[in-house]
Amino acid sequence: MQNNDDEKNTNNPNNNTTNNNNANKEKEEPLFEKGELLYFQDKACRVIAEYDRTVCVEYSDYPFAGEEEEFPYPRVILLKNEVRRPS
């Protein structure tokens, strides 16, 4: 029986080399830098991490006196179109 390992590796859909190359090409450049200052509902926050459609932020001067119910957590995940950069 003939060994066809080379053929199997190039035609195998589970071959990670080709799949990884395609994934790298599709990955978008980040819009935000880690630690960048942003605003959400006029509250300053810093970027912790960025994902495809969202960004994880931590409020700068948390907790906000009298607004504990509106802002119960110091870190939140927000849609990218919900945050703005300082003008």
PDB file of N, CA and C in Angstrom:
ATOM      1  N   MET A   1       0.830  -1.173   0.000  1.00  0.00           N
ATOM      2  CA  MET A   1       0.000   0.000   0.000  1.00  0.00           C
ATOM      3  C   MET A   1       0.883   1.247   0.000  1.00  0.00           C
ATOM      4  N   GLN A   2       0.480   2.242  -0.753  1.00  0.00           N
ATOM      5  CA  GLN A   2       1.257   3.468  -0.912  1.00  0.00           C
ATOM      6  C   GLN A   2       0.891   4.483   0.172  1.00  0.00           C
ATOM      7  N   ASN A   3       1.892   5.205   0.667  1.00  0.00           N
ATOM      8  CA  ASN A   3       1.666   6.191   1.714  1.00  0.00           C
ATOM      9  C   ASN A   3       1.307   7.526   1.071  1.00  0.00           C
ATOM     10  N   ASN A   4       0.104   8.029   1.328  1.00  0.00           N
ATOM     11  CA  ASN A   4      -0.370   9.282   0.751  1.00  0.00           C
ATOM     12  C   ASN A   4      -0.489  10.382   1.801  1.00  0.00           C
ATOM     13  N   ASP A   5       0.420  10.419   2.764  1.00  0.00           N
ATOM     14  CA  ASP A   5       0.345  11.419   3.831  1.00  0.00           C
ATOM     15  C   ASP A   5       0.381  12.841   3.299  1.00  0.00           C
ATOM     16  N   ASP A   6       1.201  13.083   2.265  1.00  0.00           N
ATOM     17  CA  ASP A   6       1.294  14.428   1.710  1.00  0.00           C
ATOM     18  C   ASP A   6      -0.032  14.870   1.108  1.00  0.00           C
ATOM     19  N   GLU A   7      -0.689  13.975   0.400  1.00  0.00           N
ATOM     20  CA  GLU A   7      -1.986  14.313  -0.193  1.00  0.00           C
ATOM     21  C   GLU A   7      -3.032  14.557   0.890  1.00  0.00           C
ATOM     22  N   LYS A   8      -3.035  13.731   1.923  1.00  0.00           N
ATOM     23  CA  LYS A   8      -4.013  13.880   2.990  1.00  0.00           C
ATOM     24  C   LYS A   8      -3.852  15.222   3.691  1.00  0.00           C
ATOM     25  N   ASN A   9      -2.626  15.644   3.925  1.00  0.00           N
ATOM     26  CA  ASN A   9      -2.393  16.900   4.629  1.00  0.00           C
ATOM     27  C   ASN A   9      -2.833  18.109   3.816  1.00  0.00           C
ATOM     28  N   THR A  10      -2.669  18.082   2.510  1.00  0.00           N
ATOM     29  CA  THR A  10      -3.042  19.249   1.707  1.00  0.00           C
ATOM     30  C   THR A  10      -4.528  19.304   1.425  1.00  0.00           C
ATOM     31  N   ASN A  11      -5.197  18.170   1.386  1.00  0.00           N
ATOM     32  CA  ASN A  11      -6.622  18.149   1.062  1.00  0.00           C
ATOM     33  C   ASN A  11      -7.513  18.056   2.299  1.00  0.00           C
ATOM     34  N   ASN A  12      -6.943  17.899   3.432  1.00  0.00           N
ATOM     35  CA  ASN A  12      -7.703  17.726   4.660  1.00  0.00           C
ATOM     36  C   ASN A  12      -8.340  19.048   5.083  1.00  0.00           C
ATOM     37  N   PRO A  13      -9.684  19.112   5.208  1.00  0.00           N
ATOM     38  CA  PRO A  13     -10.334  20.360   5.622  1.00  0.00           C
ATOM     39  C   PRO A  13      -9.984  20.765   7.050  1.00  0.00           C
ATOM     40  N   ASN A  14      -9.483  19.828   7.842  1.00  0.00           N
ATOM     41  CA  ASN A  14      -9.079  20.137   9.210  1.00  0.00           C
ATOM     42  C   ASN A  14      -7.629  20.576   9.312  1.00  0.00           C
ATOM     43  N   ASN A  15      -6.995  20.752   8.172  1.00  0.00           N
ATOM     44  CA  ASN A  15      -5.604  21.189   8.145  1.00  0.00           C
ATOM     45  C   ASN A  15      -5.525  22.610   8.693  1.00  0.00           C
ATOM     46  N   ASN A  16      -4.895  22.781   9.847  1.00  0.00           N
ATOM     47  CA  ASN A  16      -4.872  24.066  10.542  1.00  0.00           C
ATOM     48  C   ASN A  16      -4.082  25.137   9.824  1.00  0.00           C
ATOM     49  N   THR A  17      -3.125  24.771   9.004  1.00  0.00           N
ATOM     50  CA  THR A  17      -2.304  25.783   8.336  1.00  0.00           C
ATOM     51  C   THR A  17      -3.135  26.672   7.431  1.00  0.00           C
ATOM     52  N   THR A  18      -3.973  26.076   6.606  1.00  0.00           N
ATOM     53  CA  THR A  18      -4.802  26.894   5.712  1.00  0.00           C
ATOM     54  C   THR A  18      -5.885  27.632   6.472  1.00  0.00           C
ATOM     55  N   ASN A  19      -6.504  26.989   7.434  1.00  0.00           N
ATOM     56  CA  ASN A  19      -7.567  27.640   8.200  1.00  0.00           C
ATOM     57  C   ASN A  19      -7.035  28.839   8.973  1.00  0.00           C
ATOM     58  N   ASN A  20      -5.851  28.727   9.558  1.00  0.00           N
ATOM     59  CA  ASN A  20      -5.280  29.844  10.304  1.00  0.00           C
ATOM     60  C   ASN A  20      -4.937  31.007   9.386  1.00  0.00           C
ATOM     61  N   ASN A  21      -4.440  30.725   8.191  1.00  0.00           N
ATOM     62  CA  ASN A  21      -4.109  31.798   7.258  1.00  0.00           C
ATOM     63  C   ASN A  21      -5.355  32.577   6.870  1.00  0.00           C
ATOM     64  N   ASN A  22      -6.452  31.896   6.624  1.00  0.00           N
ATOM     65  CA  ASN A  22      -7.695  32.567   6.263  1.00  0.00           C
ATOM     66  C   ASN A  22      -8.227  33.398   7.428  1.00  0.00           C
ATOM     67  N   ALA A  23      -8.124  32.885   8.633  1.00  0.00           N
ATOM     68  CA  ALA A  23      -8.612  33.616   9.806  1.00  0.00           C
ATOM     69  C   ALA A  23      -7.809  34.895  10.007  1.00  0.00           C
ATOM     70  N   ASN A  24      -6.503  34.845   9.781  1.00  0.00           N
ATOM     71  CA  ASN A  24      -5.667  36.028   9.950  1.00  0.00           C
ATOM     72  C   ASN A  24      -6.001  37.100   8.924  1.00  0.00           C
ATOM     73  N   LYS A  25      -6.337  36.710   7.720  1.00  0.00           N
ATOM     74  CA  LYS A  25      -6.681  37.674   6.683  1.00  0.00           C
ATOM     75  C   LYS A  25      -7.997  38.385   6.987  1.00  0.00           C
ATOM     76  N   GLU A  26      -8.941  37.684   7.616  1.00  0.00           N
ATOM     77  CA  GLU A  26     -10.257  38.243   7.898  1.00  0.00           C
ATOM     78  C   GLU A  26     -10.261  39.117   9.154  1.00  0.00           C
ATOM     79  N   LYS A  27      -9.262  38.990  10.008  1.00  0.00           N
ATOM     80  CA  LYS A  27      -9.230  39.750  11.262  1.00  0.00           C
ATOM     81  C   LYS A  27      -9.023  41.230  10.962  1.00  0.00           C
ATOM     82  N   GLU A  28      -9.900  42.059  11.559  1.00  0.00           N
ATOM     83  CA  GLU A  28      -9.846  43.496  11.323  1.00  0.00           C
ATOM     84  C   GLU A  28      -8.843  44.161  12.249  1.00  0.00           C
ATOM     85  N   GLU A  29      -8.360  45.320  11.836  1.00  0.00           N
ATOM     86  CA  GLU A  29      -7.490  46.116  12.682  1.00  0.00           C
ATOM     87  C   GLU A  29      -8.296  46.635  13.868  1.00  0.00           C
ATOM     88  N   PRO A  30      -7.708  46.697  15.050  1.00  0.00           N
ATOM     89  CA  PRO A  30      -8.452  47.215  16.206  1.00  0.00           C
ATOM     90  C   PRO A  30      -8.758  48.699  16.052  1.00  0.00           C
ATOM     91  N   LEU A  31      -9.931  49.112  16.520  1.00  0.00           N
ATOM     92  CA  LEU A  31     -10.328  50.518  16.483  1.00  0.00           C
ATOM     93  C   LEU A  31      -9.829  51.274  17.702  1.00  0.00           C
ATOM     94  N   PHE A  32      -9.632  50.550  18.804  1.00  0.00           N
ATOM     95  CA  PHE A  32      -9.252  51.169  20.069  1.00  0.00           C
ATOM     96  C   PHE A  32      -7.970  50.551  20.588  1.00  0.00           C
ATOM     97  N   GLU A  33      -7.227  51.342  21.359  1.00  0.00           N
ATOM     98  CA  GLU A  33      -6.031  50.827  22.019  1.00  0.00           C
ATOM     99  C   GLU A  33      -6.352  50.521  23.471  1.00  0.00           C
ATOM    100  N   LYS A  34      -5.661  49.537  24.028  1.00  0.00           N
ATOM    101  CA  LYS A  34      -5.849  49.205  25.442  1.00  0.00           C
ATOM    102  C   LYS A  34      -5.451  50.421  26.279  1.00  0.00           C
ATOM    103  N   GLY A  35      -6.320  50.800  27.208  1.00  0.00           N
ATOM    104  CA  GLY A  35      -6.072  51.959  28.058  1.00  0.00           C
ATOM    105  C   GLY A  35      -6.561  53.274  27.477  1.00  0.00           C
ATOM    106  N   GLU A  36      -7.100  53.249  26.250  1.00  0.00           N
ATOM    107  CA  GLU A  36      -7.586  54.483  25.624  1.00  0.00           C
ATOM    108  C   GLU A  36      -8.794  55.034  26.377  1.00  0.00           C
ATOM    109  N   LEU A  37      -8.850  56.358  26.495  1.00  0.00           N
ATOM    110  CA  LEU A  37      -9.967  57.026  27.166  1.00  0.00           C
ATOM    111  C   LEU A  37     -11.150  57.142  26.211  1.00  0.00           C
ATOM    112  N   LEU A  38     -12.321  56.701  26.677  1.00  0.00           N
ATOM    113  CA  LEU A  38     -13.569  56.796  25.925  1.00  0.00           C
ATOM    114  C   LEU A  38     -14.638  57.353  26.848  1.00  0.00           C
ATOM    115  N   TYR A  39     -15.789  57.688  26.257  1.00  0.00           N
ATOM    116  CA  TYR A  39     -16.938  58.144  27.040  1.00  0.00           C
ATOM    117  C   TYR A  39     -18.163  57.326  26.671  1.00  0.00           C
ATOM    118  N   PHE A  40     -18.936  56.967  27.695  1.00  0.00           N
ATOM    119  CA  PHE A  40     -20.221  56.311  27.521  1.00  0.00           C
ATOM    120  C   PHE A  40     -21.201  57.022  28.440  1.00  0.00           C
ATOM    121  N   GLN A  41     -22.248  57.595  27.880  1.00  0.00           N
ATOM    122  CA  GLN A  41     -23.238  58.376  28.624  1.00  0.00           C
ATOM    123  C   GLN A  41     -22.547  59.428  29.507  1.00  0.00           C
ATOM    124  N   ASP A  42     -21.608  60.133  28.927  1.00  0.00           N
ATOM    125  CA  ASP A  42     -20.842  61.205  29.585  1.00  0.00           C
ATOM    126  C   ASP A  42     -20.025  60.738  30.785  1.00  0.00           C
ATOM    127  N   LYS A  43     -19.741  59.453  30.870  1.00  0.00           N
ATOM    128  CA  LYS A  43     -18.882  58.907  31.924  1.00  0.00           C
ATOM    129  C   LYS A  43     -17.574  58.454  31.284  1.00  0.00           C
ATOM    130  N   ALA A  44     -16.452  58.893  31.866  1.00  0.00           N
ATOM    131  CA  ALA A  44     -15.142  58.510  31.353  1.00  0.00           C
ATOM    132  C   ALA A  44     -14.858  57.048  31.668  1.00  0.00           C
ATOM    133  N   CYS A  45     -14.252  56.354  30.717  1.00  0.00           N
ATOM    134  CA  CYS A  45     -13.888  54.955  30.918  1.00  0.00           C
ATOM    135  C   CYS A  45     -12.646  54.634  30.095  1.00  0.00           C
ATOM    136  N   ARG A  46     -11.966  53.561  30.459  1.00  0.00           N
ATOM    137  CA  ARG A  46     -10.751  53.122  29.780  1.00  0.00           C
ATOM    138  C   ARG A  46     -10.986  51.748  29.156  1.00  0.00           C
ATOM    139  N   VAL A  47     -10.399  51.552  27.976  1.00  0.00           N
ATOM    140  CA  VAL A  47     -10.531  50.286  27.254  1.00  0.00           C
ATOM    141  C   VAL A  47      -9.707  49.209  27.952  1.00  0.00           C
ATOM    142  N   ILE A  48     -10.345  48.074  28.189  1.00  0.00           N
ATOM    143  CA  ILE A  48      -9.660  46.907  28.749  1.00  0.00           C
ATOM    144  C   ILE A  48      -9.364  45.912  27.630  1.00  0.00           C
ATOM    145  N   ALA A  49     -10.374  45.670  26.780  1.00  0.00           N
ATOM    146  CA  ALA A  49     -10.224  44.716  25.679  1.00  0.00           C
ATOM    147  C   ALA A  49     -11.198  45.076  24.566  1.00  0.00           C
ATOM    148  N   GLU A  50     -10.842  44.659  23.354  1.00  0.00           N
ATOM    149  CA  GLU A  50     -11.701  44.909  22.197  1.00  0.00           C
ATOM    150  C   GLU A  50     -12.025  43.590  21.519  1.00  0.00           C
ATOM    151  N   TYR A  51     -13.264  43.452  21.119  1.00  0.00           N
ATOM    152  CA  TYR A  51     -13.736  42.255  20.432  1.00  0.00           C
ATOM    153  C   TYR A  51     -14.291  42.671  19.072  1.00  0.00           C
ATOM    154  N   ASP A  52     -14.911  41.755  18.345  1.00  0.00           N
ATOM    155  CA  ASP A  52     -15.392  42.055  16.994  1.00  0.00           C
ATOM    156  C   ASP A  52     -16.347  43.241  16.962  1.00  0.00           C
ATOM    157  N   ARG A  53     -17.402  43.187  17.742  1.00  0.00           N
ATOM    158  CA  ARG A  53     -18.416  44.249  17.720  1.00  0.00           C
ATOM    159  C   ARG A  53     -18.532  45.007  19.025  1.00  0.00           C
ATOM    160  N   THR A  54     -17.779  44.589  20.036  1.00  0.00           N
ATOM    161  CA  THR A  54     -17.904  45.197  21.351  1.00  0.00           C
ATOM    162  C   THR A  54     -16.546  45.605  21.907  1.00  0.00           C
ATOM    163  N   VAL A  55     -16.606  46.362  23.002  1.00  0.00           N
ATOM    164  CA  VAL A  55     -15.402  46.776  23.712  1.00  0.00           C
ATOM    165  C   VAL A  55     -15.679  46.653  25.209  1.00  0.00           C
ATOM    166  N   CYS A  56     -14.712  46.159  25.957  1.00  0.00           N
ATOM    167  CA  CYS A  56     -14.825  46.042  27.408  1.00  0.00           C
ATOM    168  C   CYS A  56     -14.145  47.261  28.014  1.00  0.00           C
ATOM    169  N   VAL A  57     -14.862  47.979  28.875  1.00  0.00           N
ATOM    170  CA  VAL A  57     -14.328  49.206  29.478  1.00  0.00           C
ATOM    171  C   VAL A  57     -14.481  49.173  30.994  1.00  0.00           C
ATOM    172  N   GLU A  58     -13.671  49.982  31.649  1.00  0.00           N
ATOM    173  CA  GLU A  58     -13.771  50.173  33.092  1.00  0.00           C
ATOM    174  C   GLU A  58     -13.925  51.663  33.349  1.00  0.00           C
ATOM    175  N   TYR A  59     -14.943  52.028  34.133  1.00  0.00           N
ATOM    176  CA  TYR A  59     -15.200  53.435  34.433  1.00  0.00           C
ATOM    177  C   TYR A  59     -14.044  54.024  35.250  1.00  0.00           C
ATOM    178  N   SER A  60     -13.687  55.262  34.947  1.00  0.00           N
ATOM    179  CA  SER A  60     -12.541  55.907  35.587  1.00  0.00           C
ATOM    180  C   SER A  60     -12.816  56.313  37.029  1.00  0.00           C
ATOM    181  N   ASP A  61     -13.914  56.975  37.312  1.00  0.00           N
ATOM    182  CA  ASP A  61     -14.195  57.493  38.666  1.00  0.00           C
ATOM    183  C   ASP A  61     -15.356  56.752  39.303  1.00  0.00           C
ATOM    184  N   TYR A  62     -15.321  55.436  39.249  1.00  0.00           N
ATOM    185  CA  TYR A  62     -16.396  54.611  39.780  1.00  0.00           C
ATOM    186  C   TYR A  62     -16.237  54.482  41.279  1.00  0.00           C
ATOM    187  N   PRO A  63     -17.275  54.425  42.088  1.00  0.00           N
ATOM    188  CA  PRO A  63     -18.702  54.513  41.785  1.00  0.00           C
ATOM    189  C   PRO A  63     -19.158  55.963  41.644  1.00  0.00           C
ATOM    190  N   PHE A  64     -20.278  56.123  40.968  1.00  0.00           N
ATOM    191  CA  PHE A  64     -20.854  57.449  40.749  1.00  0.00           C
ATOM    192  C   PHE A  64     -21.938  57.683  41.802  1.00  0.00           C
ATOM    193  N   ALA A  65     -21.719  58.660  42.640  1.00  0.00           N
ATOM    194  CA  ALA A  65     -22.648  58.942  43.744  1.00  0.00           C
ATOM    195  C   ALA A  65     -24.043  59.248  43.211  1.00  0.00           C
ATOM    196  N   GLY A  66     -25.029  58.551  43.763  1.00  0.00           N
ATOM    197  CA  GLY A  66     -26.420  58.759  43.382  1.00  0.00           C
ATOM    198  C   GLY A  66     -26.828  58.053  42.101  1.00  0.00           C
ATOM    199  N   GLU A  67     -25.900  57.381  41.419  1.00  0.00           N
ATOM    200  CA  GLU A  67     -26.227  56.681  40.171  1.00  0.00           C
ATOM    201  C   GLU A  67     -25.869  55.198  40.241  1.00  0.00           C
ATOM    202  N   GLU A  68     -25.920  54.647  41.429  1.00  0.00           N
ATOM    203  CA  GLU A  68     -25.541  53.248  41.623  1.00  0.00           C
ATOM    204  C   GLU A  68     -26.442  52.288  40.851  1.00  0.00           C
ATOM    205  N   GLU A  69     -27.726  52.632  40.722  1.00  0.00           N
ATOM    206  CA  GLU A  69     -28.648  51.751  39.996  1.00  0.00           C
ATOM    207  C   GLU A  69     -28.412  51.798  38.494  1.00  0.00           C
ATOM    208  N   GLU A  70     -28.102  52.971  37.958  1.00  0.00           N
ATOM    209  CA  GLU A  70     -27.859  53.105  36.522  1.00  0.00           C
ATOM    210  C   GLU A  70     -26.511  52.505  36.119  1.00  0.00           C
ATOM    211  N   PHE A  71     -25.542  52.534  37.033  1.00  0.00           N
ATOM    212  CA  PHE A  71     -24.196  52.028  36.772  1.00  0.00           C
ATOM    213  C   PHE A  71     -23.786  51.079  37.899  1.00  0.00           C
ATOM    214  N   PRO A  72     -24.341  49.853  37.916  1.00  0.00           N
ATOM    215  CA  PRO A  72     -24.071  48.935  39.038  1.00  0.00           C
ATOM    216  C   PRO A  72     -22.703  48.247  38.987  1.00  0.00           C
ATOM    217  N   TYR A  73     -22.014  48.292  37.837  1.00  0.00           N
ATOM    218  CA  TYR A  73     -20.751  47.568  37.702  1.00  0.00           C
ATOM    219  C   TYR A  73     -19.631  48.493  37.226  1.00  0.00           C
ATOM    220  N   PRO A  74     -18.411  48.294  37.726  1.00  0.00           N
ATOM    221  CA  PRO A  74     -17.293  49.143  37.295  1.00  0.00           C
ATOM    222  C   PRO A  74     -16.778  48.785  35.901  1.00  0.00           C
ATOM    223  N   ARG A  75     -16.996  47.543  35.470  1.00  0.00           N
ATOM    224  CA  ARG A  75     -16.562  47.094  34.136  1.00  0.00           C
ATOM    225  C   ARG A  75     -17.777  46.605  33.364  1.00  0.00           C
ATOM    226  N   VAL A  76     -17.866  47.023  32.109  1.00  0.00           N
ATOM    227  CA  VAL A  76     -19.007  46.629  31.279  1.00  0.00           C
ATOM    228  C   VAL A  76     -18.544  46.348  29.849  1.00  0.00           C
ATOM    229  N   ILE A  77     -19.366  45.598  29.137  1.00  0.00           N
ATOM    230  CA  ILE A  77     -19.167  45.333  27.715  1.00  0.00           C
ATOM    231  C   ILE A  77     -20.149  46.216  26.962  1.00  0.00           C
ATOM    232  N   LEU A  78     -19.641  47.011  26.023  1.00  0.00           N
ATOM    233  CA  LEU A  78     -20.480  47.937  25.264  1.00  0.00           C
ATOM    234  C   LEU A  78     -20.284  47.715  23.772  1.00  0.00           C
ATOM    235  N   LEU A  79     -21.323  48.019  23.006  1.00  0.00           N
ATOM    236  CA  LEU A  79     -21.173  48.016  21.558  1.00  0.00           C
ATOM    237  C   LEU A  79     -20.235  49.145  21.158  1.00  0.00           C
ATOM    238  N   LYS A  80     -19.457  48.917  20.122  1.00  0.00           N
ATOM    239  CA  LYS A  80     -18.487  49.929  19.699  1.00  0.00           C
ATOM    240  C   LYS A  80     -19.156  51.244  19.304  1.00  0.00           C
ATOM    241  N   ASN A  81     -20.371  51.172  18.773  1.00  0.00           N
ATOM    242  CA  ASN A  81     -21.034  52.409  18.349  1.00  0.00           C
ATOM    243  C   ASN A  81     -21.686  53.150  19.521  1.00  0.00           C
ATOM    244  N   GLU A  82     -21.620  52.590  20.734  1.00  0.00           N
ATOM    245  CA  GLU A  82     -22.180  53.251  21.917  1.00  0.00           C
ATOM    246  C   GLU A  82     -21.166  54.157  22.614  1.00  0.00           C
ATOM    247  N   VAL A  83     -19.884  53.978  22.323  1.00  0.00           N
ATOM    248  CA  VAL A  83     -18.850  54.779  22.982  1.00  0.00           C
ATOM    249  C   VAL A  83     -18.350  55.854  22.032  1.00  0.00           C
ATOM    250  N   ARG A  84     -17.781  56.900  22.621  1.00  0.00           N
ATOM    251  CA  ARG A  84     -17.205  57.963  21.779  1.00  0.00           C
ATOM    252  C   ARG A  84     -15.862  58.378  22.359  1.00  0.00           C
ATOM    253  N   ARG A  85     -15.028  58.887  21.485  1.00  0.00           N
ATOM    254  CA  ARG A  85     -13.735  59.405  21.901  1.00  0.00           C
ATOM    255  C   ARG A  85     -13.912  60.838  22.382  1.00  0.00           C
ATOM    256  N   PRO A  86     -12.996  61.307  23.241  1.00  0.00           N
ATOM    257  CA  PRO A  86     -13.088  62.719  23.679  1.00  0.00           C
ATOM    258  C   PRO A  86     -12.910  63.652  22.497  1.00  0.00           C
ATOM    259  N   SER A  87     -13.665  64.751  22.499  1.00  0.00           N
ATOM    260  CA  SER A  87     -13.550  65.679  21.361  1.00  0.00           C
ATOM    261  C   SER A  87     -12.473  66.707  21.561  1.00  0.00           C
TER     262      SER A  87
END
